[in-house]
Protein backbone atom coordinates (compact mmCIF):
# COMPACT_ATOMS: atom_id res chain seq x y z
CA LEU A 1 -4.08 10.91 13.11
CA VAL A 2 -3.48 10.92 9.34
CA ALA A 3 -5.62 9.18 6.71
CA SER A 4 -5.06 8.96 2.96
CA TRP A 5 -6.71 7.35 -0.05
CA ASN A 6 -5.27 7.02 -3.54
CA HIS A 7 -6.60 5.58 -6.77
CA ARG A 8 -4.38 5.14 -9.80
CA THR A 9 -5.03 3.85 -13.30
CA LEU A 10 -2.17 2.64 -15.51
CA SER A 11 -2.53 2.10 -19.23
CA TYR A 12 -0.09 1.48 -22.06
CA GLY A 13 -0.19 2.71 -25.63
CA GLN A 14 1.40 -0.57 -26.73
CA ASN A 15 0.91 -3.18 -24.03
CA ALA A 16 2.46 -6.12 -25.88
CA VAL A 17 4.93 -7.01 -28.59
CA MET A 18 4.21 -9.53 -31.31
CA ALA A 19 6.54 -12.53 -31.43
CA ARG A 20 6.87 -15.31 -33.98
CA PHE A 21 8.29 -18.58 -32.66
CA ASP A 22 10.63 -20.81 -34.62
CA ASP A 23 9.23 -23.73 -36.56
CA ALA A 24 9.68 -26.98 -34.61
CA LEU A 25 11.06 -29.40 -37.17
CA HIS A 26 12.70 -32.79 -36.85
CA PRO A 27 16.46 -32.09 -37.21
CA GLU A 28 16.98 -34.89 -39.78
CA LEU A 29 13.66 -35.25 -41.58
CA GLN A 30 12.76 -31.54 -41.43
CA VAL A 31 9.07 -32.32 -40.84
CA PRO A 32 6.85 -30.97 -38.00
CA VAL A 33 6.62 -34.08 -35.81
CA PHE A 34 6.72 -32.14 -32.51
CA ASP A 35 3.74 -29.81 -32.96
CA ASN A 36 1.64 -31.56 -30.31
CA ARG A 37 4.40 -31.01 -27.71
CA LEU A 38 4.38 -27.23 -28.14
CA GLN A 39 1.68 -24.63 -27.52
CA TYR A 40 3.00 -22.33 -30.28
CA ASP A 41 5.44 -22.28 -33.15
CA SER A 42 5.64 -20.38 -36.42
CA ASP A 43 2.58 -21.97 -38.01
CA VAL A 44 0.25 -20.02 -35.67
CA GLY A 45 1.78 -16.74 -36.85
CA ALA A 46 2.71 -13.83 -34.62
CA VAL A 47 1.29 -13.97 -31.09
CA PRO A 48 1.33 -11.28 -28.35
CA ALA A 49 4.17 -11.61 -25.86
CA ASP A 50 5.43 -9.66 -22.84
CA LEU A 51 1.89 -8.44 -22.19
CA MET A 52 1.58 -5.44 -19.86
CA PRO A 53 -2.14 -5.19 -19.04
CA ASP A 54 -3.93 -2.01 -18.03
CA GLN A 55 -4.20 -1.84 -14.24
CA GLU A 56 -6.06 -0.12 -11.44
CA LYS A 57 -4.64 0.29 -7.95
CA THR A 58 -6.43 1.64 -4.89
CA THR A 59 -4.58 2.33 -1.63
CA GLY A 60 -5.97 3.41 1.73
CA ARG A 61 -3.73 4.26 4.68
CA LEU A 62 -4.25 5.27 8.31
CA ASP A 63 -1.48 6.45 10.66
CA LEU A 64 -1.59 7.39 14.34
CA ASN A 65 1.29 9.21 16.06
CA ILE A 66 1.56 9.56 19.84
CA ASN A 67 4.57 11.60 20.89
CA ASN A 68 4.54 10.64 24.56
CA LEU A 69 2.69 7.77 26.20
CA GLY A 70 4.39 6.83 29.45
CA GLY A 71 7.69 8.05 28.00
CA PHE A 72 7.30 6.10 24.75
CA ALA A 73 6.97 7.60 21.27
CA ILE A 74 4.49 5.47 19.32
CA ASN A 75 3.52 5.31 15.67
CA VAL A 76 0.98 2.76 14.43
CA GLY A 77 -0.62 2.42 11.03
CA GLY A 78 -2.53 0.25 8.65
CA ILE A 79 -2.72 -0.09 4.89
CA LEU A 80 -5.12 -1.75 2.46
CA GLN A 81 -4.21 -2.01 -1.20
CA ASP A 82 -6.22 -3.55 -4.02
CA SER A 83 -4.76 -4.05 -7.51
CA LYS A 84 -6.81 -5.13 -10.51
CA ASN A 85 -5.67 -6.50 -13.85
CA ASN A 86 -8.12 -4.94 -16.30
CA TYR A 87 -7.20 -7.46 -18.99
CA SER A 88 -8.17 -10.59 -17.03
CA GLY A 89 -10.10 -9.14 -14.09
CA ASN A 90 -7.77 -10.82 -11.57
CA ARG A 91 -7.04 -9.00 -8.33
CA ALA A 92 -4.23 -8.86 -5.77
CA THR A 93 -4.84 -7.61 -2.22
CA PHE A 94 -2.32 -6.39 0.34
CA ARG A 95 -3.35 -5.85 3.99
CA GLY A 96 -0.80 -4.65 6.51
CA VAL A 97 -0.31 -3.09 9.93
CA MET A 98 2.84 -1.59 11.44
CA ALA A 99 4.08 -0.19 14.73
CA ASN A 100 7.13 1.83 15.78
CA VAL A 101 7.86 2.26 19.50
CA SER A 102 10.88 4.03 20.97
CA ARG A 103 12.02 5.40 24.29
CA ARG A 104 15.13 7.09 25.62
CA PHE A 105 15.58 6.11 29.26
CA ASN A 106 18.48 8.49 29.92
CA GLN A 107 21.36 10.14 28.12
CA LYS A 108 23.03 6.77 27.53
CA THR A 109 20.30 4.20 26.97
CA ALA A 110 17.58 3.97 24.33
CA LEU A 111 15.16 1.29 23.14
CA ARG A 112 13.52 0.97 19.73
CA TRP A 113 11.08 -1.61 18.36
CA ARG A 114 9.67 -1.74 14.84
CA ALA A 115 7.21 -4.36 13.64
CA ARG A 116 4.88 -5.02 10.77
CA ALA A 117 2.50 -7.78 9.72
CA TYR A 118 0.96 -8.18 6.30
CA THR A 119 -1.00 -10.56 4.12
CA ILE A 120 -0.85 -10.95 0.34
CA ASP A 121 -3.72 -12.62 -1.54
CA ASN A 122 -3.86 -13.15 -5.31
CA ASP A 123 -6.64 -14.60 -7.43
CA ALA A 124 -5.99 -18.09 -8.76
CA VAL A 125 -5.68 -18.38 -12.54
CA TRP A 126 -6.96 -21.27 -14.64
CA VAL A 127 -4.32 -22.25 -17.23
CA ASP A 128 -5.94 -23.91 -20.22
CA VAL A 129 -3.04 -25.39 -22.16
CA HIS A 130 -3.25 -24.79 -25.90
CA ASP A 131 -3.46 -28.36 -27.24
CA ARG A 132 -2.34 -28.71 -30.83
CA PRO A 133 -2.46 -31.87 -32.94
CA SER A 134 0.66 -33.05 -34.66
CA ILE A 135 0.54 -32.76 -38.44
CA ALA A 136 3.28 -35.29 -39.22
CA GLY A 137 4.91 -38.39 -37.81
CA PRO A 138 3.44 -41.39 -35.98
CA THR A 139 1.16 -39.16 -33.84
CA ALA A 140 -0.26 -37.12 -36.74
CA GLY A 141 -3.73 -35.85 -35.98
CA LEU A 142 -3.39 -36.40 -32.21
CA THR A 143 -2.82 -33.90 -29.41
CA TYR A 144 -0.30 -34.73 -26.70
CA GLU A 145 -3.15 -35.56 -24.30
CA GLN A 146 -4.75 -37.92 -26.83
CA TRP A 147 -1.39 -39.58 -27.46
CA SER A 148 -0.04 -39.83 -23.89
CA GLY A 149 -3.18 -39.66 -21.76
CA GLN A 150 -1.80 -36.68 -19.79
CA ASN A 151 -3.78 -33.46 -19.28
CA PHE A 152 -1.77 -30.41 -18.25
CA ASP A 153 -4.58 -27.91 -17.65
CA HIS A 154 -4.27 -26.60 -14.08
CA TRP A 155 -5.00 -23.88 -11.56
CA ARG A 156 -2.04 -21.55 -11.09
CA ARG A 157 -2.02 -20.40 -7.46
CA SER A 158 0.40 -17.64 -6.55
CA ALA A 159 3.55 -18.50 -4.59
CA LEU A 160 3.38 -14.90 -3.27
CA ASP A 161 0.24 -15.60 -1.20
CA ARG A 162 1.53 -15.41 2.36
CA ASP A 163 1.21 -14.13 5.93
CA VAL A 164 4.31 -12.27 7.14
CA PHE A 165 5.39 -10.93 10.52
CA GLU A 166 8.61 -8.91 10.96
CA SER A 167 10.04 -7.52 14.19
CA LYS A 168 13.23 -5.49 14.74
CA MET A 169 14.28 -4.58 18.30
CA ASP A 170 17.47 -2.87 19.40
CA LEU A 171 18.82 -1.53 22.66
CA SER A 172 21.62 1.01 22.46
CA TYR A 173 24.02 2.10 25.20
CA ARG A 174 26.52 4.95 24.90
CA ALA A 175 29.45 4.13 27.17
CA SER A 176 31.53 7.23 26.42
CA ARG A 177 32.94 9.16 23.50
CA LYS A 178 36.07 7.03 23.34
CA LEU A 179 34.49 3.67 24.17
CA GLY A 180 31.63 4.42 21.81
CA THR A 181 28.05 3.22 21.51
CA PHE A 182 26.96 -0.41 21.66
CA ARG A 183 23.74 -1.51 20.02
CA PHE A 184 22.27 -4.94 20.68
CA LYS A 185 19.72 -6.08 18.12
CA TRP A 186 17.24 -8.92 17.68
CA ASP A 187 15.46 -9.36 14.36
CA TYR A 188 12.67 -11.91 14.15
CA SER A 189 10.44 -12.77 11.19
CA THR A 190 8.08 -15.47 9.95
CA ILE A 191 6.78 -16.12 6.43
CA ASP A 192 3.89 -18.57 6.11
CA ARG A 193 3.18 -19.29 2.45
CA GLU A 194 -0.23 -20.49 1.37
CA ASN A 195 0.66 -22.32 -1.84
CA TYR A 196 4.36 -23.10 -1.62
CA GLU A 197 6.21 -25.68 0.47
CA VAL A 198 9.78 -25.00 1.61
CA ALA A 199 10.07 -28.51 3.07
CA PRO A 200 7.81 -31.55 2.70
CA GLY A 201 4.51 -30.52 4.28
CA GLU A 202 5.99 -27.23 5.59
CA THR A 203 5.16 -23.71 4.34
CA LYS A 204 6.59 -21.56 7.15
CA THR A 205 10.04 -19.98 7.41
CA GLU A 206 11.17 -18.60 10.77
CA LYS A 207 14.24 -16.39 11.13
CA ASN A 208 16.15 -15.10 14.16
CA ILE A 209 19.11 -12.72 13.89
CA LEU A 210 21.13 -11.58 16.91
CA GLY A 211 23.69 -8.84 16.51
CA LEU A 212 26.04 -6.46 18.26
CA HIS A 213 26.97 -3.16 16.61
CA TRP A 214 29.62 -0.74 17.83
CA ASN A 215 30.84 2.66 16.75
CA ALA A 216 33.34 4.90 18.51
CA HIS A 217 35.44 8.02 18.20
CA PRO A 218 38.52 6.99 20.24
CA ALA A 219 40.69 9.83 18.94
CA LYS A 220 40.03 13.23 17.47
CA LYS A 221 40.81 12.11 13.93
CA LEU A 222 39.75 8.47 14.13
CA LYS A 223 36.31 6.84 13.78
CA LEU A 224 35.75 3.10 14.15
CA ARG A 225 32.72 0.92 13.37
CA ALA A 226 32.08 -2.82 13.69
CA PHE A 227 29.22 -5.28 13.85
CA TYR A 228 28.67 -9.01 14.25
CA ASN A 229 25.46 -10.85 13.32
CA HIS A 230 24.44 -14.47 13.80
CA GLY A 231 21.39 -15.79 11.99
CA GLU A 232 19.35 -18.96 12.46
CA ILE A 233 16.66 -19.82 9.91
CA ASP A 234 14.19 -22.67 10.30
CA ARG A 235 12.97 -24.05 6.98
CA PRO A 236 14.63 -21.46 4.69
CA PHE A 237 13.38 -20.96 1.14
CA MET A 238 14.06 -24.10 -0.89
CA LEU A 239 12.95 -25.81 -4.09
CA VAL A 240 11.79 -29.20 -2.86
CA ASP A 241 12.62 -32.03 -5.28
CA GLY A 242 13.98 -29.47 -7.72
CA THR A 243 16.98 -31.34 -9.04
CA CYS A 244 18.67 -34.74 -9.52
CA SER A 245 16.23 -37.02 -11.31
CA THR A 246 16.72 -40.71 -10.57
CA LEU A 247 14.86 -41.94 -13.64
CA VAL A 248 16.97 -43.81 -16.18
CA SER A 249 15.42 -44.49 -19.58
CA GLY A 250 17.05 -47.00 -21.84
CA SER A 251 16.64 -47.59 -25.56
CA ALA A 252 13.14 -48.41 -26.82
CA PRO A 253 12.13 -50.08 -30.08
CA ASN A 254 9.45 -47.43 -30.59
CA PRO A 255 10.35 -44.03 -29.13
CA TRP A 256 6.83 -42.77 -29.97
CA ASP A 257 5.14 -45.23 -27.59
CA PRO A 258 4.55 -43.43 -24.23
CA THR A 259 4.09 -46.76 -22.45
CA VAL A 260 7.71 -47.79 -23.04
CA THR A 261 9.53 -44.47 -23.48
CA ALA A 262 9.91 -42.14 -20.45
CA GLN A 263 8.43 -38.67 -20.98
CA TYR A 264 9.79 -35.35 -19.80
CA TYR A 265 7.27 -34.96 -16.94
CA GLU A 266 8.27 -38.42 -15.65
CA PHE A 267 11.90 -37.29 -15.38
CA GLN A 268 10.65 -34.21 -13.49
CA ASP A 269 8.54 -36.29 -11.11
CA ALA A 270 11.57 -38.49 -10.27
CA ARG A 271 13.68 -35.61 -8.90
CA ILE A 272 14.88 -36.08 -5.30
CA GLY A 273 17.28 -33.18 -4.63
CA ASP A 274 16.27 -30.04 -2.72
CA SER A 275 18.04 -26.99 -4.14
CA THR A 276 18.53 -23.63 -2.45
CA ALA A 277 20.66 -20.49 -2.29
CA SER A 278 19.54 -19.55 1.24
CA PRO A 279 21.36 -20.43 4.47
CA GLU A 280 19.87 -22.15 7.52
CA SER A 281 22.53 -20.43 9.64
CA TYR A 282 25.14 -17.75 9.01
CA ASP A 283 27.67 -15.50 10.70
CA GLU A 284 28.64 -12.02 9.55
CA LEU A 285 31.38 -9.64 10.67
CA LYS A 286 32.35 -6.19 9.46
CA VAL A 287 34.94 -3.74 10.76
CA ALA A 288 35.59 -0.30 9.32
CA GLY A 289 37.42 2.86 10.16
CA THR A 290 38.12 6.37 8.94
CA TYR A 291 41.15 8.52 9.71
CA ASN A 292 41.12 12.22 8.91
CA PHE A 293 44.58 13.64 8.31
CA GLY A 294 43.01 17.07 8.14
CA ALA A 295 40.08 18.91 6.64
CA THR A 296 41.18 18.01 3.10
CA MET A 297 42.55 14.48 3.42
CA SER A 298 41.20 11.17 4.76
CA MET A 299 41.60 7.41 4.50
CA THR A 300 38.81 4.83 4.92
CA GLY A 301 39.11 1.07 5.12
CA SER A 302 36.79 -1.86 5.82
CA TYR A 303 36.70 -5.64 5.94
CA HIS A 304 33.54 -7.77 5.57
CA TRP A 305 33.19 -11.52 6.18
CA TRP A 306 30.05 -13.65 5.67
CA ASP A 307 29.77 -17.41 6.08
CA GLY A 308 26.58 -19.45 5.74
CA SER A 309 25.46 -22.99 5.02
CA ASN A 310 22.37 -25.13 4.51
CA ASN A 311 22.20 -28.90 4.92
CA ALA A 312 18.52 -29.12 5.79
CA GLY A 313 17.24 -30.72 2.58
CA ASP A 314 17.92 -33.83 0.59
CA LEU A 315 21.25 -33.47 -1.25
CA THR A 316 21.29 -29.74 -0.40
CA ASN A 317 24.81 -29.36 1.08
CA TRP A 318 24.98 -25.66 0.16
CA SER A 319 27.51 -23.22 1.59
CA ARG A 320 29.01 -19.86 0.75
CA THR A 321 31.85 -17.78 2.23
CA ASN A 322 32.53 -14.19 1.21
CA ASN A 323 35.57 -12.09 2.12
CA SER A 324 35.87 -8.50 0.94
CA ALA A 325 38.02 -5.53 1.84
CA ASN A 326 38.48 -2.04 0.50
CA LEU A 327 40.78 0.90 1.14
CA THR A 328 40.19 4.45 -0.12
CA PHE A 329 42.41 7.50 0.11
CA TRP A 330 40.76 10.89 -0.59
CA SER A 331 42.24 14.35 -0.94
CA ALA A 332 40.98 17.82 -1.87
CA PRO A 333 44.09 19.94 -2.39
CA ALA A 334 42.06 22.85 -3.74
CA GLU A 335 38.54 24.16 -3.24
CA ASP A 336 37.39 23.35 -6.76
CA TRP A 337 38.85 19.87 -7.27
CA SER A 338 39.48 16.59 -5.43
CA TRP A 339 40.79 13.12 -6.17
CA TYR A 340 40.76 9.67 -4.63
CA ILE A 341 42.35 6.28 -5.15
CA GLY A 342 40.87 3.00 -3.97
CA TYR A 343 41.55 -0.72 -3.81
CA THR A 344 38.92 -3.46 -3.46
CA TYR A 345 39.43 -7.16 -2.79
CA LEU A 346 36.72 -9.84 -3.06
CA HIS A 347 36.99 -13.59 -2.64
CA SER A 348 33.94 -15.86 -2.63
CA ASP A 349 33.65 -19.64 -2.23
CA LEU A 350 30.41 -21.37 -3.22
CA ASP A 351 29.77 -25.08 -2.72
CA ALA A 352 26.66 -26.79 -4.00
CA PRO A 353 25.99 -30.20 -5.57
CA ILE A 354 24.90 -30.31 -9.17
CA CYS A 355 23.33 -33.10 -11.19
CA ILE A 356 24.01 -33.19 -14.93
CA PRO A 357 21.53 -35.24 -16.96
CA ILE A 358 22.96 -37.10 -19.93
CA PHE A 359 20.74 -37.35 -22.99
CA ASP A 360 21.69 -39.51 -25.95
CA GLY A 361 19.09 -40.36 -28.55
């Protein structure tokens, strides 16, 4: 049984840089008509940016090792970590448990299971938008809220708040030296997010990966390796309604009137496309081999193929195929020097819809 506790304080001699934003001027009239649409520009002077606050982090850990329990080797543990932002007082908490279990049944067969579960909680942050009145133009003297009726103050809740479970199980069987070792694997995981939806009304992603790995030494100078994985993901990570706005705004006699002219947030709210770069299913294959011509010369080659797609969302239609190969020849003709030459090939196809907004005005 092993227990540990650690407390760390981080501070910075210069925890921010000062930045001065450009002046937001009308391109033709060169007057500040957009001040109430921006939180900062040059008239507020230099403001701190890229802030790195002083922090405190406390970590407690407990591990239990059992070398033999009914033939199984077992390791279990738990961790609690608390991080504090000394600038704002906000905290982030990590709670996790893990387990490793393994057993060798005989000289040819072995089982291993690794799992962990953890929770991440972050304090919510109140974002008080810096409302500035315009100093020129038709909305002079008015903030954006006073002009449009929209208030953008909000609670910012972390997209990292989540409950996670991960499991990796594999069963290996050594057939013989020439036939090699086969390893069957099953990886399973779930991510349940507290403040982020990956599909309408859904916050949970579930992943299953089945695989077969093989390595062998069929000849004295030859080693071969290969694996195949198939993955199925329910509700993969996705930006719901993240693209393709359907709002069309025509010409208006008074572009400063929010009742007749569409605003930026209205274009955002009219988006209907779900964008992603994560597959809902994929297949993966890799083969590799090494041939030793002698103690001072060898050649290694490999080929890797990956193919995945996602059609789960609205207008998603995402897919990617990767093909790569490499070949390396190595030689050490003398004790104090060596050389190698290699060739690498990579071809990747990516398909995804894209919406291009046209702005004229």
